[in-house]
Amino acid sequence: KTLYVSLGMKPLHVRREIEAFIADRLMEAL
């Protein structure tokens, strides 16, 4: 988290393992 913030990014912690995580699951549906 600290590293990616220092690179100007927005880390999103996915608290449980799930295939394709969050954003890709939404994009795959569309």
mmCIF file of all heavy atoms, coordinates in Angstrom:
data_MODEL
# 
_entry.id   MODEL 
# 
loop_
_atom_site.group_PDB 
_atom_site.id 
_atom_site.type_symbol 
_atom_site.label_atom_id 
_atom_site.label_alt_id 
_atom_site.label_comp_id 
_atom_site.label_asym_id 
_atom_site.label_entity_id 
_atom_site.label_seq_id 
_atom_site.pdbx_PDB_ins_code 
_atom_site.Cartn_x 
_atom_site.Cartn_y 
_atom_site.Cartn_z 
_atom_site.occupancy 
_atom_site.B_iso_or_equiv 
_atom_site.pdbx_formal_charge 
_atom_site.auth_seq_id 
_atom_site.auth_comp_id 
_atom_site.auth_asym_id 
_atom_site.auth_atom_id 
_atom_site.pdbx_PDB_model_num 
ATOM 1   N N   . LYS A 1 1  ? 0.835   -1.209  0.000   1.00 0.00 ? 1  LYS A N   1 
ATOM 2   C CA  . LYS A 1 1  ? 0.000   0.000   0.000   1.00 0.00 ? 1  LYS A CA  1 
ATOM 3   C C   . LYS A 1 1  ? 0.863   1.249   0.000   1.00 0.00 ? 1  LYS A C   1 
ATOM 4   O O   . LYS A 1 1  ? 0.659   2.178   -0.796  1.00 0.00 ? 1  LYS A O   1 
ATOM 5   C CB  . LYS A 1 1  ? -0.917  0.007   1.232   1.00 0.00 ? 1  LYS A CB  1 
ATOM 6   C CG  . LYS A 1 1  ? -2.070  -0.970  1.194   1.00 0.00 ? 1  LYS A CG  1 
ATOM 7   C CD  . LYS A 1 1  ? -2.899  -0.838  2.472   1.00 0.00 ? 1  LYS A CD  1 
ATOM 8   C CE  . LYS A 1 1  ? -4.031  -1.831  2.505   1.00 0.00 ? 1  LYS A CE  1 
ATOM 9   N NZ  . LYS A 1 1  ? -4.809  -1.738  3.779   1.00 0.00 ? 1  LYS A NZ  1 
ATOM 10  N N   . THR A 1 2  ? 1.847   1.288   0.890   1.00 0.00 ? 2  THR A N   1 
ATOM 11  C CA  . THR A 1 2  ? 2.730   2.447   0.996   1.00 0.00 ? 2  THR A CA  1 
ATOM 12  C C   . THR A 1 2  ? 3.497   2.674   -0.301  1.00 0.00 ? 2  THR A C   1 
ATOM 13  O O   . THR A 1 2  ? 3.631   3.811   -0.779  1.00 0.00 ? 2  THR A O   1 
ATOM 14  C CB  . THR A 1 2  ? 3.714   2.263   2.163   1.00 0.00 ? 2  THR A CB  1 
ATOM 15  O OG1 . THR A 1 2  ? 2.980   2.116   3.378   1.00 0.00 ? 2  THR A OG1 1 
ATOM 16  C CG2 . THR A 1 2  ? 4.654   3.450   2.285   1.00 0.00 ? 2  THR A CG2 1 
ATOM 17  N N   . LEU A 1 3  ? 3.989   1.586   -0.888  1.00 0.00 ? 3  LEU A N   1 
ATOM 18  C CA  . LEU A 1 3  ? 4.754   1.678   -2.118  1.00 0.00 ? 3  LEU A CA  1 
ATOM 19  C C   . LEU A 1 3  ? 3.920   2.253   -3.257  1.00 0.00 ? 3  LEU A C   1 
ATOM 20  O O   . LEU A 1 3  ? 4.332   3.207   -3.932  1.00 0.00 ? 3  LEU A O   1 
ATOM 21  C CB  . LEU A 1 3  ? 5.284   0.293   -2.500  1.00 0.00 ? 3  LEU A CB  1 
ATOM 22  C CG  . LEU A 1 3  ? 5.857   0.167   -3.910  1.00 0.00 ? 3  LEU A CG  1 
ATOM 23  C CD1 . LEU A 1 3  ? 7.071   1.059   -4.081  1.00 0.00 ? 3  LEU A CD1 1 
ATOM 24  C CD2 . LEU A 1 3  ? 6.209   -1.276  -4.217  1.00 0.00 ? 3  LEU A CD2 1 
ATOM 25  N N   . TYR A 1 4  ? 2.732   1.680   -3.470  1.00 0.00 ? 4  TYR A N   1 
ATOM 26  C CA  . TYR A 1 4  ? 1.935   2.106   -4.624  1.00 0.00 ? 4  TYR A CA  1 
ATOM 27  C C   . TYR A 1 4  ? 1.400   3.528   -4.444  1.00 0.00 ? 4  TYR A C   1 
ATOM 28  O O   . TYR A 1 4  ? 1.282   4.269   -5.429  1.00 0.00 ? 4  TYR A O   1 
ATOM 29  C CB  . TYR A 1 4  ? 0.820   1.111   -4.895  1.00 0.00 ? 4  TYR A CB  1 
ATOM 30  C CG  . TYR A 1 4  ? 1.347   -0.225  -5.391  1.00 0.00 ? 4  TYR A CG  1 
ATOM 31  C CD1 . TYR A 1 4  ? 1.200   -1.389  -4.638  1.00 0.00 ? 4  TYR A CD1 1 
ATOM 32  C CD2 . TYR A 1 4  ? 2.023   -0.312  -6.598  1.00 0.00 ? 4  TYR A CD2 1 
ATOM 33  C CE1 . TYR A 1 4  ? 1.701   -2.601  -5.077  1.00 0.00 ? 4  TYR A CE1 1 
ATOM 34  C CE2 . TYR A 1 4  ? 2.536   -1.521  -7.051  1.00 0.00 ? 4  TYR A CE2 1 
ATOM 35  C CZ  . TYR A 1 4  ? 2.369   -2.661  -6.284  1.00 0.00 ? 4  TYR A CZ  1 
ATOM 36  O OH  . TYR A 1 4  ? 2.883   -3.863  -6.726  1.00 0.00 ? 4  TYR A OH  1 
ATOM 37  N N   . VAL A 1 5  ? 1.094   3.925   -3.225  1.00 0.00 ? 5  VAL A N   1 
ATOM 38  C CA  . VAL A 1 5  ? 0.708   5.325   -2.986  1.00 0.00 ? 5  VAL A CA  1 
ATOM 39  C C   . VAL A 1 5  ? 1.854   6.251   -3.367  1.00 0.00 ? 5  VAL A C   1 
ATOM 40  O O   . VAL A 1 5  ? 1.651   7.311   -3.960  1.00 0.00 ? 5  VAL A O   1 
ATOM 41  C CB  . VAL A 1 5  ? 0.285   5.542   -1.519  1.00 0.00 ? 5  VAL A CB  1 
ATOM 42  C CG1 . VAL A 1 5  ? 0.207   7.033   -1.186  1.00 0.00 ? 5  VAL A CG1 1 
ATOM 43  C CG2 . VAL A 1 5  ? -1.068  4.880   -1.248  1.00 0.00 ? 5  VAL A CG2 1 
ATOM 44  N N   . SER A 1 6  ? 3.083   5.840   -3.058  1.00 0.00 ? 6  SER A N   1 
ATOM 45  C CA  . SER A 1 6  ? 4.245   6.679   -3.387  1.00 0.00 ? 6  SER A CA  1 
ATOM 46  C C   . SER A 1 6  ? 4.434   6.811   -4.895  1.00 0.00 ? 6  SER A C   1 
ATOM 47  O O   . SER A 1 6  ? 5.089   7.741   -5.357  1.00 0.00 ? 6  SER A O   1 
ATOM 48  C CB  . SER A 1 6  ? 5.518   6.107   -2.753  1.00 0.00 ? 6  SER A CB  1 
ATOM 49  O OG  . SER A 1 6  ? 6.021   4.995   -3.476  1.00 0.00 ? 6  SER A OG  1 
ATOM 50  N N   . LEU A 1 7  ? 3.834   5.893   -5.662  1.00 0.00 ? 7  LEU A N   1 
ATOM 51  C CA  . LEU A 1 7  ? 3.921   5.938   -7.120  1.00 0.00 ? 7  LEU A CA  1 
ATOM 52  C C   . LEU A 1 7  ? 2.732   6.665   -7.739  1.00 0.00 ? 7  LEU A C   1 
ATOM 53  O O   . LEU A 1 7  ? 2.563   6.665   -8.956  1.00 0.00 ? 7  LEU A O   1 
ATOM 54  C CB  . LEU A 1 7  ? 3.993   4.509   -7.685  1.00 0.00 ? 7  LEU A CB  1 
ATOM 55  C CG  . LEU A 1 7  ? 5.200   3.662   -7.265  1.00 0.00 ? 7  LEU A CG  1 
ATOM 56  C CD1 . LEU A 1 7  ? 5.058   2.249   -7.808  1.00 0.00 ? 7  LEU A CD1 1 
ATOM 57  C CD2 . LEU A 1 7  ? 6.498   4.295   -7.755  1.00 0.00 ? 7  LEU A CD2 1 
ATOM 58  N N   . GLY A 1 8  ? 1.894   7.263   -6.901  1.00 0.00 ? 8  GLY A N   1 
ATOM 59  C CA  . GLY A 1 8  ? 0.742   7.993   -7.398  1.00 0.00 ? 8  GLY A CA  1 
ATOM 60  C C   . GLY A 1 8  ? -0.439  7.114   -7.718  1.00 0.00 ? 8  GLY A C   1 
ATOM 61  O O   . GLY A 1 8  ? -1.275  7.474   -8.557  1.00 0.00 ? 8  GLY A O   1 
ATOM 62  N N   . MET A 1 9  ? -0.559  5.960   -7.037  1.00 0.00 ? 9  MET A N   1 
ATOM 63  C CA  . MET A 1 9  ? -1.618  5.009   -7.337  1.00 0.00 ? 9  MET A CA  1 
ATOM 64  C C   . MET A 1 9  ? -2.632  4.906   -6.202  1.00 0.00 ? 9  MET A C   1 
ATOM 65  O O   . MET A 1 9  ? -2.409  5.417   -5.096  1.00 0.00 ? 9  MET A O   1 
ATOM 66  C CB  . MET A 1 9  ? -1.021  3.630   -7.648  1.00 0.00 ? 9  MET A CB  1 
ATOM 67  C CG  . MET A 1 9  ? -0.007  3.656   -8.783  1.00 0.00 ? 9  MET A CG  1 
ATOM 68  S SD  . MET A 1 9  ? 0.604   2.040   -9.301  1.00 0.00 ? 9  MET A SD  1 
ATOM 69  C CE  . MET A 1 9  ? -0.770  1.485   -10.338 1.00 0.00 ? 9  MET A CE  1 
ATOM 70  N N   . LYS A 1 10 ? -3.743  4.256   -6.485  1.00 0.00 ? 10 LYS A N   1 
ATOM 71  C CA  . LYS A 1 10 ? -4.818  4.035   -5.518  1.00 0.00 ? 10 LYS A CA  1 
ATOM 72  C C   . LYS A 1 10 ? -4.903  2.538   -5.242  1.00 0.00 ? 10 LYS A C   1 
ATOM 73  O O   . LYS A 1 10 ? -5.530  1.784   -5.980  1.00 0.00 ? 10 LYS A O   1 
ATOM 74  C CB  . LYS A 1 10 ? -6.148  4.551   -6.078  1.00 0.00 ? 10 LYS A CB  1 
ATOM 75  C CG  . LYS A 1 10 ? -7.377  4.197   -5.238  1.00 0.00 ? 10 LYS A CG  1 
ATOM 76  C CD  . LYS A 1 10 ? -7.391  4.910   -3.914  1.00 0.00 ? 10 LYS A CD  1 
ATOM 77  C CE  . LYS A 1 10 ? -8.711  4.617   -3.175  1.00 0.00 ? 10 LYS A CE  1 
ATOM 78  N NZ  . LYS A 1 10 ? -8.746  5.284   -1.858  1.00 0.00 ? 10 LYS A NZ  1 
ATOM 79  N N   . PRO A 1 11 ? -4.261  2.051   -4.172  1.00 0.00 ? 11 PRO A N   1 
ATOM 80  C CA  . PRO A 1 11 ? -4.353  0.624   -3.852  1.00 0.00 ? 11 PRO A CA  1 
ATOM 81  C C   . PRO A 1 11 ? -5.715  0.272   -3.267  1.00 0.00 ? 11 PRO A C   1 
ATOM 82  O O   . PRO A 1 11 ? -6.221  0.969   -2.387  1.00 0.00 ? 11 PRO A O   1 
ATOM 83  C CB  . PRO A 1 11 ? -3.232  0.418   -2.830  1.00 0.00 ? 11 PRO A CB  1 
ATOM 84  C CG  . PRO A 1 11 ? -2.976  1.766   -2.242  1.00 0.00 ? 11 PRO A CG  1 
ATOM 85  C CD  . PRO A 1 11 ? -3.350  2.777   -3.282  1.00 0.00 ? 11 PRO A CD  1 
ATOM 86  N N   . LEU A 1 12 ? -6.306  -0.782  -3.790  1.00 0.00 ? 12 LEU A N   1 
ATOM 87  C CA  . LEU A 1 12 ? -7.586  -1.288  -3.297  1.00 0.00 ? 12 LEU A CA  1 
ATOM 88  C C   . LEU A 1 12 ? -7.350  -2.692  -2.760  1.00 0.00 ? 12 LEU A C   1 
ATOM 89  O O   . LEU A 1 12 ? -7.035  -3.613  -3.519  1.00 0.00 ? 12 LEU A O   1 
ATOM 90  C CB  . LEU A 1 12 ? -8.620  -1.310  -4.424  1.00 0.00 ? 12 LEU A CB  1 
ATOM 91  C CG  . LEU A 1 12 ? -9.984  -1.937  -4.097  1.00 0.00 ? 12 LEU A CG  1 
ATOM 92  C CD1 . LEU A 1 12 ? -10.695 -1.159  -3.002  1.00 0.00 ? 12 LEU A CD1 1 
ATOM 93  C CD2 . LEU A 1 12 ? -10.847 -2.007  -5.350  1.00 0.00 ? 12 LEU A CD2 1 
ATOM 94  N N   . HIS A 1 13 ? -7.480  -2.858  -1.438  1.00 0.00 ? 13 HIS A N   1 
ATOM 95  C CA  . HIS A 1 13 ? -7.212  -4.152  -0.819  1.00 0.00 ? 13 HIS A CA  1 
ATOM 96  C C   . HIS A 1 13 ? -8.440  -5.050  -0.949  1.00 0.00 ? 13 HIS A C   1 
ATOM 97  O O   . HIS A 1 13 ? -9.484  -4.783  -0.354  1.00 0.00 ? 13 HIS A O   1 
ATOM 98  C CB  . HIS A 1 13 ? -6.859  -3.957  0.662   1.00 0.00 ? 13 HIS A CB  1 
ATOM 99  C CG  . HIS A 1 13 ? -6.490  -5.235  1.359   1.00 0.00 ? 13 HIS A CG  1 
ATOM 100 N ND1 . HIS A 1 13 ? -6.458  -5.343  2.735   1.00 0.00 ? 13 HIS A ND1 1 
ATOM 101 C CD2 . HIS A 1 13 ? -6.155  -6.467  0.883   1.00 0.00 ? 13 HIS A CD2 1 
ATOM 102 C CE1 . HIS A 1 13 ? -6.114  -6.568  3.063   1.00 0.00 ? 13 HIS A CE1 1 
ATOM 103 N NE2 . HIS A 1 13 ? -5.920  -7.266  1.951   1.00 0.00 ? 13 HIS A NE2 1 
ATOM 104 N N   . VAL A 1 14 ? -8.299  -6.104  -1.732  1.00 0.00 ? 14 VAL A N   1 
ATOM 105 C CA  . VAL A 1 14 ? -9.355  -7.113  -1.872  1.00 0.00 ? 14 VAL A CA  1 
ATOM 106 C C   . VAL A 1 14 ? -9.156  -8.101  -0.732  1.00 0.00 ? 14 VAL A C   1 
ATOM 107 O O   . VAL A 1 14 ? -8.204  -8.876  -0.733  1.00 0.00 ? 14 VAL A O   1 
ATOM 108 C CB  . VAL A 1 14 ? -9.269  -7.814  -3.246  1.00 0.00 ? 14 VAL A CB  1 
ATOM 109 C CG1 . VAL A 1 14 ? -10.422 -8.819  -3.398  1.00 0.00 ? 14 VAL A CG1 1 
ATOM 110 C CG2 . VAL A 1 14 ? -9.303  -6.785  -4.361  1.00 0.00 ? 14 VAL A CG2 1 
ATOM 111 N N   . ARG A 1 15 ? -10.052 -8.062  0.238   1.00 0.00 ? 15 ARG A N   1 
ATOM 112 C CA  . ARG A 1 15 ? -9.796  -8.757  1.506   1.00 0.00 ? 15 ARG A CA  1 
ATOM 113 C C   . ARG A 1 15 ? -9.923  -10.269 1.436   1.00 0.00 ? 15 ARG A C   1 
ATOM 114 O O   . ARG A 1 15 ? -9.411  -10.967 2.298   1.00 0.00 ? 15 ARG A O   1 
ATOM 115 C CB  . ARG A 1 15 ? -10.733 -8.201  2.577   1.00 0.00 ? 15 ARG A CB  1 
ATOM 116 C CG  . ARG A 1 15 ? -10.416 -6.756  2.959   1.00 0.00 ? 15 ARG A CG  1 
ATOM 117 C CD  . ARG A 1 15 ? -11.311 -6.270  4.069   1.00 0.00 ? 15 ARG A CD  1 
ATOM 118 N NE  . ARG A 1 15 ? -12.713 -6.254  3.686   1.00 0.00 ? 15 ARG A NE  1 
ATOM 119 C CZ  . ARG A 1 15 ? -13.300 -5.264  3.029   1.00 0.00 ? 15 ARG A CZ  1 
ATOM 120 N NH1 . ARG A 1 15 ? -12.580 -4.210  2.682   1.00 0.00 ? 15 ARG A NH1 1 
ATOM 121 N NH2 . ARG A 1 15 ? -14.569 -5.317  2.715   1.00 0.00 ? 15 ARG A NH2 1 
ATOM 122 N N   . ARG A 1 16 ? -10.623 -10.796 0.410   1.00 0.00 ? 16 ARG A N   1 
ATOM 123 C CA  . ARG A 1 16 ? -10.746 -12.241 0.260   1.00 0.00 ? 16 ARG A CA  1 
ATOM 124 C C   . ARG A 1 16 ? -10.366 -12.632 -1.153  1.00 0.00 ? 16 ARG A C   1 
ATOM 125 O O   . ARG A 1 16 ? -10.690 -11.938 -2.111  1.00 0.00 ? 16 ARG A O   1 
ATOM 126 C CB  . ARG A 1 16 ? -12.186 -12.703 0.546   1.00 0.00 ? 16 ARG A CB  1 
ATOM 127 C CG  . ARG A 1 16 ? -12.578 -12.568 2.008   1.00 0.00 ? 16 ARG A CG  1 
ATOM 128 C CD  . ARG A 1 16 ? -14.055 -12.907 2.188   1.00 0.00 ? 16 ARG A CD  1 
ATOM 129 N NE  . ARG A 1 16 ? -14.394 -14.225 1.682   1.00 0.00 ? 16 ARG A NE  1 
ATOM 130 C CZ  . ARG A 1 16 ? -15.646 -14.691 1.584   1.00 0.00 ? 16 ARG A CZ  1 
ATOM 131 N NH1 . ARG A 1 16 ? -16.668 -13.921 1.931   1.00 0.00 ? 16 ARG A NH1 1 
ATOM 132 N NH2 . ARG A 1 16 ? -15.871 -15.903 1.124   1.00 0.00 ? 16 ARG A NH2 1 
ATOM 133 N N   . GLU A 1 17 ? -9.689  -13.765 -1.274  1.00 0.00 ? 17 GLU A N   1 
ATOM 134 C CA  . GLU A 1 17 ? -9.324  -14.260 -2.591  1.00 0.00 ? 17 GLU A CA  1 
ATOM 135 C C   . GLU A 1 17 ? -10.561 -14.616 -3.407  1.00 0.00 ? 17 GLU A C   1 
ATOM 136 O O   . GLU A 1 17 ? -11.459 -15.302 -2.926  1.00 0.00 ? 17 GLU A O   1 
ATOM 137 C CB  . GLU A 1 17 ? -8.459  -15.508 -2.467  1.00 0.00 ? 17 GLU A CB  1 
ATOM 138 C CG  . GLU A 1 17 ? -7.011  -15.255 -2.136  1.00 0.00 ? 17 GLU A CG  1 
ATOM 139 C CD  . GLU A 1 17 ? -6.197  -16.536 -2.195  1.00 0.00 ? 17 GLU A CD  1 
ATOM 140 O OE1 . GLU A 1 17 ? -6.310  -17.349 -1.262  1.00 0.00 ? 17 GLU A OE1 1 
ATOM 141 O OE2 . GLU A 1 17 ? -5.459  -16.726 -3.172  1.00 0.00 ? 17 GLU A OE2 1 
ATOM 142 N N   . ILE A 1 18 ? -10.587 -14.158 -4.636  1.00 0.00 ? 18 ILE A N   1 
ATOM 143 C CA  . ILE A 1 18 ? -11.656 -14.510 -5.557  1.00 0.00 ? 18 ILE A CA  1 
ATOM 144 C C   . ILE A 1 18 ? -11.108 -14.352 -6.970  1.00 0.00 ? 18 ILE A C   1 
ATOM 145 O O   . ILE A 1 18 ? -10.356 -13.412 -7.246  1.00 0.00 ? 18 ILE A O   1 
ATOM 146 C CB  . ILE A 1 18 ? -12.911 -13.627 -5.344  1.00 0.00 ? 18 ILE A CB  1 
ATOM 147 C CG1 . ILE A 1 18 ? -14.048 -14.078 -6.258  1.00 0.00 ? 18 ILE A CG1 1 
ATOM 148 C CG2 . ILE A 1 18 ? -12.595 -12.152 -5.552  1.00 0.00 ? 18 ILE A CG2 1 
ATOM 149 C CD1 . ILE A 1 18 ? -15.372 -13.381 -5.952  1.00 0.00 ? 18 ILE A CD1 1 
ATOM 150 N N   . GLU A 1 19 ? -11.434 -15.310 -7.850  1.00 0.00 ? 19 GLU A N   1 
ATOM 151 C CA  . GLU A 1 19 ? -10.923 -15.254 -9.209  1.00 0.00 ? 19 GLU A CA  1 
ATOM 152 C C   . GLU A 1 19 ? -11.320 -13.947 -9.889  1.00 0.00 ? 19 GLU A C   1 
ATOM 153 O O   . GLU A 1 19 ? -12.454 -13.514 -9.789  1.00 0.00 ? 19 GLU A O   1 
ATOM 154 C CB  . GLU A 1 19 ? -11.449 -16.438 -10.031 1.00 0.00 ? 19 GLU A CB  1 
ATOM 155 C CG  . GLU A 1 19 ? -10.917 -17.797 -9.598  1.00 0.00 ? 19 GLU A CG  1 
ATOM 156 C CD  . GLU A 1 19 ? -11.694 -18.417 -8.464  1.00 0.00 ? 19 GLU A CD  1 
ATOM 157 O OE1 . GLU A 1 19 ? -12.569 -17.732 -7.898  1.00 0.00 ? 19 GLU A OE1 1 
ATOM 158 O OE2 . GLU A 1 19 ? -11.421 -19.589 -8.138  1.00 0.00 ? 19 GLU A OE2 1 
ATOM 159 N N   . ALA A 1 20 ? -10.369 -13.327 -10.570 1.00 0.00 ? 20 ALA A N   1 
ATOM 160 C CA  . ALA A 1 20 ? -10.564 -12.088 -11.331 1.00 0.00 ? 20 ALA A CA  1 
ATOM 161 C C   . ALA A 1 20 ? -10.807 -10.870 -10.453 1.00 0.00 ? 20 ALA A C   1 
ATOM 162 O O   . ALA A 1 20 ? -11.043 -9.772  -10.966 1.00 0.00 ? 20 ALA A O   1 
ATOM 163 C CB  . ALA A 1 20 ? -11.684 -12.224 -12.363 1.00 0.00 ? 20 ALA A CB  1 
ATOM 164 N N   . PHE A 1 21 ? -10.781 -11.064 -9.117  1.00 0.00 ? 21 PHE A N   1 
ATOM 165 C CA  . PHE A 1 21 ? -10.817 -9.941  -8.179  1.00 0.00 ? 21 PHE A CA  1 
ATOM 166 C C   . PHE A 1 21 ? -12.097 -9.110  -8.331  1.00 0.00 ? 21 PHE A C   1 
ATOM 167 O O   . PHE A 1 21 ? -13.181 -9.690  -8.428  1.00 0.00 ? 21 PHE A O   1 
ATOM 168 C CB  . PHE A 1 21 ? -9.535  -9.115  -8.305  1.00 0.00 ? 21 PHE A CB  1 
ATOM 169 C CG  . PHE A 1 21 ? -8.322  -9.956  -8.573  1.00 0.00 ? 21 PHE A CG  1 
ATOM 170 C CD1 . PHE A 1 21 ? -7.444  -9.677  -9.617  1.00 0.00 ? 21 PHE A CD1 1 
ATOM 171 C CD2 . PHE A 1 21 ? -8.067  -11.091 -7.801  1.00 0.00 ? 21 PHE A CD2 1 
ATOM 172 C CE1 . PHE A 1 21 ? -6.344  -10.485 -9.877  1.00 0.00 ? 21 PHE A CE1 1 
ATOM 173 C CE2 . PHE A 1 21 ? -6.970  -11.906 -8.051  1.00 0.00 ? 21 PHE A CE2 1 
ATOM 174 C CZ  . PHE A 1 21 ? -6.119  -11.593 -9.088  1.00 0.00 ? 21 PHE A CZ  1 
ATOM 175 N N   . ILE A 1 22 ? -12.021 -7.784  -8.340  1.00 0.00 ? 22 ILE A N   1 
ATOM 176 C CA  . ILE A 1 22 ? -13.238 -6.969  -8.369  1.00 0.00 ? 22 ILE A CA  1 
ATOM 177 C C   . ILE A 1 22 ? -13.473 -6.354  -9.749  1.00 0.00 ? 22 ILE A C   1 
ATOM 178 O O   . ILE A 1 22 ? -14.472 -6.627  -10.411 1.00 0.00 ? 22 ILE A O   1 
ATOM 179 C CB  . ILE A 1 22 ? -13.168 -5.846  -7.308  1.00 0.00 ? 22 ILE A CB  1 
ATOM 180 C CG1 . ILE A 1 22 ? -13.116 -6.451  -5.897  1.00 0.00 ? 22 ILE A CG1 1 
ATOM 181 C CG2 . ILE A 1 22 ? -14.380 -4.919  -7.442  1.00 0.00 ? 22 ILE A CG2 1 
ATOM 182 C CD1 . ILE A 1 22 ? -12.895 -5.432  -4.799  1.00 0.00 ? 22 ILE A CD1 1 
ATOM 183 N N   . ALA A 1 23 ? -12.563 -5.524  -10.205 1.00 0.00 ? 23 ALA A N   1 
ATOM 184 C CA  . ALA A 1 23 ? -12.782 -4.763  -11.432 1.00 0.00 ? 23 ALA A CA  1 
ATOM 185 C C   . ALA A 1 23 ? -12.929 -5.662  -12.650 1.00 0.00 ? 23 ALA A C   1 
ATOM 186 O O   . ALA A 1 23 ? -13.797 -5.434  -13.499 1.00 0.00 ? 23 ALA A O   1 
ATOM 187 C CB  . ALA A 1 23 ? -11.655 -3.762  -11.640 1.00 0.00 ? 23 ALA A CB  1 
ATOM 188 N N   . ASP A 1 24 ? -12.104 -6.698  -12.753 1.00 0.00 ? 24 ASP A N   1 
ATOM 189 C CA  . ASP A 1 24 ? -12.200 -7.567  -13.925 1.00 0.00 ? 24 ASP A CA  1 
ATOM 190 C C   . ASP A 1 24 ? -13.509 -8.349  -13.942 1.00 0.00 ? 24 ASP A C   1 
ATOM 191 O O   . ASP A 1 24 ? -14.046 -8.637  -15.018 1.00 0.00 ? 24 ASP A O   1 
ATOM 192 C CB  . ASP A 1 24 ? -11.010 -8.532  -13.968 1.00 0.00 ? 24 ASP A CB  1 
ATOM 193 C CG  . ASP A 1 24 ? -9.812  -7.932  -14.679 1.00 0.00 ? 24 ASP A CG  1 
ATOM 194 O OD1 . ASP A 1 24 ? -9.895  -6.758  -15.085 1.00 0.00 ? 24 ASP A OD1 1 
ATOM 195 O OD2 . ASP A 1 24 ? -8.790  -8.629  -14.828 1.00 0.00 ? 24 ASP A OD2 1 
ATOM 196 N N   . ARG A 1 25 ? -14.023 -8.706  -12.769 1.00 0.00 ? 25 ARG A N   1 
ATOM 197 C CA  . ARG A 1 25 ? -15.308 -9.406  -12.747 1.00 0.00 ? 25 ARG A CA  1 
ATOM 198 C C   . ARG A 1 25 ? -16.415 -8.498  -13.287 1.00 0.00 ? 25 ARG A C   1 
ATOM 199 O O   . ARG A 1 25 ? -17.309 -8.942  -14.006 1.00 0.00 ? 25 ARG A O   1 
ATOM 200 C CB  . ARG A 1 25 ? -15.641 -9.857  -11.319 1.00 0.00 ? 25 ARG A CB  1 
ATOM 201 C CG  . ARG A 1 25 ? -14.695 -10.926 -10.801 1.00 0.00 ? 25 ARG A CG  1 
ATOM 202 C CD  . ARG A 1 25 ? -15.013 -11.302 -9.365  1.00 0.00 ? 25 ARG A CD  1 
ATOM 203 N NE  . ARG A 1 25 ? -16.189 -12.138 -9.288  1.00 0.00 ? 25 ARG A NE  1 
ATOM 204 C CZ  . ARG A 1 25 ? -16.176 -13.477 -9.316  1.00 0.00 ? 25 ARG A CZ  1 
ATOM 205 N NH1 . ARG A 1 25 ? -15.027 -14.114 -9.455  1.00 0.00 ? 25 ARG A NH1 1 
ATOM 206 N NH2 . ARG A 1 25 ? -17.286 -14.167 -9.213  1.00 0.00 ? 25 ARG A NH2 1 
ATOM 207 N N   . LEU A 1 26 ? -16.342 -7.219  -12.946 1.00 0.00 ? 26 LEU A N   1 
ATOM 208 C CA  . LEU A 1 26 ? -17.331 -6.270  -13.455 1.00 0.00 ? 26 LEU A CA  1 
ATOM 209 C C   . LEU A 1 26 ? -17.168 -6.074  -14.961 1.00 0.00 ? 26 LEU A C   1 
ATOM 210 O O   . LEU A 1 26 ? -18.155 -6.049  -15.712 1.00 0.00 ? 26 LEU A O   1 
ATOM 211 C CB  . LEU A 1 26 ? -17.183 -4.932  -12.730 1.00 0.00 ? 26 LEU A CB  1 
ATOM 212 C CG  . LEU A 1 26 ? -17.433 -4.966  -11.218 1.00 0.00 ? 26 LEU A CG  1 
ATOM 213 C CD1 . LEU A 1 26 ? -17.088 -3.622  -10.597 1.00 0.00 ? 26 LEU A CD1 1 
ATOM 214 C CD2 . LEU A 1 26 ? -18.882 -5.337  -10.916 1.00 0.00 ? 26 LEU A CD2 1 
ATOM 215 N N   . MET A 1 27 ? -15.931 -5.943  -15.419 1.00 0.00 ? 27 MET A N   1 
ATOM 216 C CA  . MET A 1 27 ? -15.690 -5.746  -16.848 1.00 0.00 ? 27 MET A CA  1 
ATOM 217 C C   . MET A 1 27 ? -16.070 -6.976  -17.657 1.00 0.00 ? 27 MET A C   1 
ATOM 218 O O   . MET A 1 27 ? -16.588 -6.869  -18.776 1.00 0.00 ? 27 MET A O   1 
ATOM 219 C CB  . MET A 1 27 ? -14.227 -5.377  -17.083 1.00 0.00 ? 27 MET A CB  1 
ATOM 220 C CG  . MET A 1 27 ? -13.872 -3.982  -16.585 1.00 0.00 ? 27 MET A CG  1 
ATOM 221 S SD  . MET A 1 27 ? -12.224 -3.423  -17.106 1.00 0.00 ? 27 MET A SD  1 
ATOM 222 C CE  . MET A 1 27 ? -11.177 -4.524  -16.176 1.00 0.00 ? 27 MET A CE  1 
ATOM 223 N N   . GLU A 1 28 ? -15.832 -8.171  -17.093 1.00 0.00 ? 28 GLU A N   1 
ATOM 224 C CA  . GLU A 1 28 ? -16.184 -9.404  -17.791 1.00 0.00 ? 28 GLU A CA  1 
ATOM 225 C C   . GLU A 1 28 ? -17.693 -9.521  -17.974 1.00 0.00 ? 28 GLU A C   1 
ATOM 226 O O   . GLU A 1 28 ? -18.170 -10.027 -18.996 1.00 0.00 ? 28 GLU A O   1 
ATOM 227 C CB  . GLU A 1 28 ? -15.652 -10.614 -17.029 1.00 0.00 ? 28 GLU A CB  1 
ATOM 228 C CG  . GLU A 1 28 ? -14.162 -10.836 -17.175 1.00 0.00 ? 28 GLU A CG  1 
ATOM 229 C CD  . GLU A 1 28 ? -13.750 -11.224 -18.578 1.00 0.00 ? 28 GLU A CD  1 
ATOM 230 O OE1 . GLU A 1 28 ? -14.520 -11.931 -19.257 1.00 0.00 ? 28 GLU A OE1 1 
ATOM 231 O OE2 . GLU A 1 28 ? -12.664 -10.790 -19.011 1.00 0.00 ? 28 GLU A OE2 1 
ATOM 232 N N   . ALA A 1 29 ? -18.460 -9.062  -16.982 1.00 0.00 ? 29 ALA A N   1 
ATOM 233 C CA  . ALA A 1 29 ? -19.917 -9.110  -17.101 1.00 0.00 ? 29 ALA A CA  1 
ATOM 234 C C   . ALA A 1 29 ? -20.372 -8.253  -18.283 1.00 0.00 ? 29 ALA A C   1 
ATOM 235 O O   . ALA A 1 29 ? -21.200 -8.679  -19.105 1.00 0.00 ? 29 ALA A O   1 
ATOM 236 C CB  . ALA A 1 29 ? -20.567 -8.626  -15.809 1.00 0.00 ? 29 ALA A CB  1 
ATOM 237 N N   . LEU A 1 30 ? -19.843 -7.056  -18.399 1.00 0.00 ? 30 LEU A N   1 
ATOM 238 C CA  . LEU A 1 30 ? -20.195 -6.179  -19.510 1.00 0.00 ? 30 LEU A CA  1 
ATOM 239 C C   . LEU A 1 30 ? -19.709 -6.772  -20.835 1.00 0.00 ? 30 LEU A C   1 
ATOM 240 O O   . LEU A 1 30 ? -20.408 -6.705  -21.856 1.00 0.00 ? 30 LEU A O   1 
ATOM 241 C CB  . LEU A 1 30 ? -19.598 -4.798  -19.276 1.00 0.00 ? 30 LEU A CB  1 
ATOM 242 C CG  . LEU A 1 30 ? -20.036 -3.679  -20.225 1.00 0.00 ? 30 LEU A CG  1 
ATOM 243 C CD1 . LEU A 1 30 ? -20.001 -2.344  -19.498 1.00 0.00 ? 30 LEU A CD1 1 
ATOM 244 C CD2 . LEU A 1 30 ? -19.175 -3.611  -21.475 1.00 0.00 ? 30 LEU A CD2 1 
# 
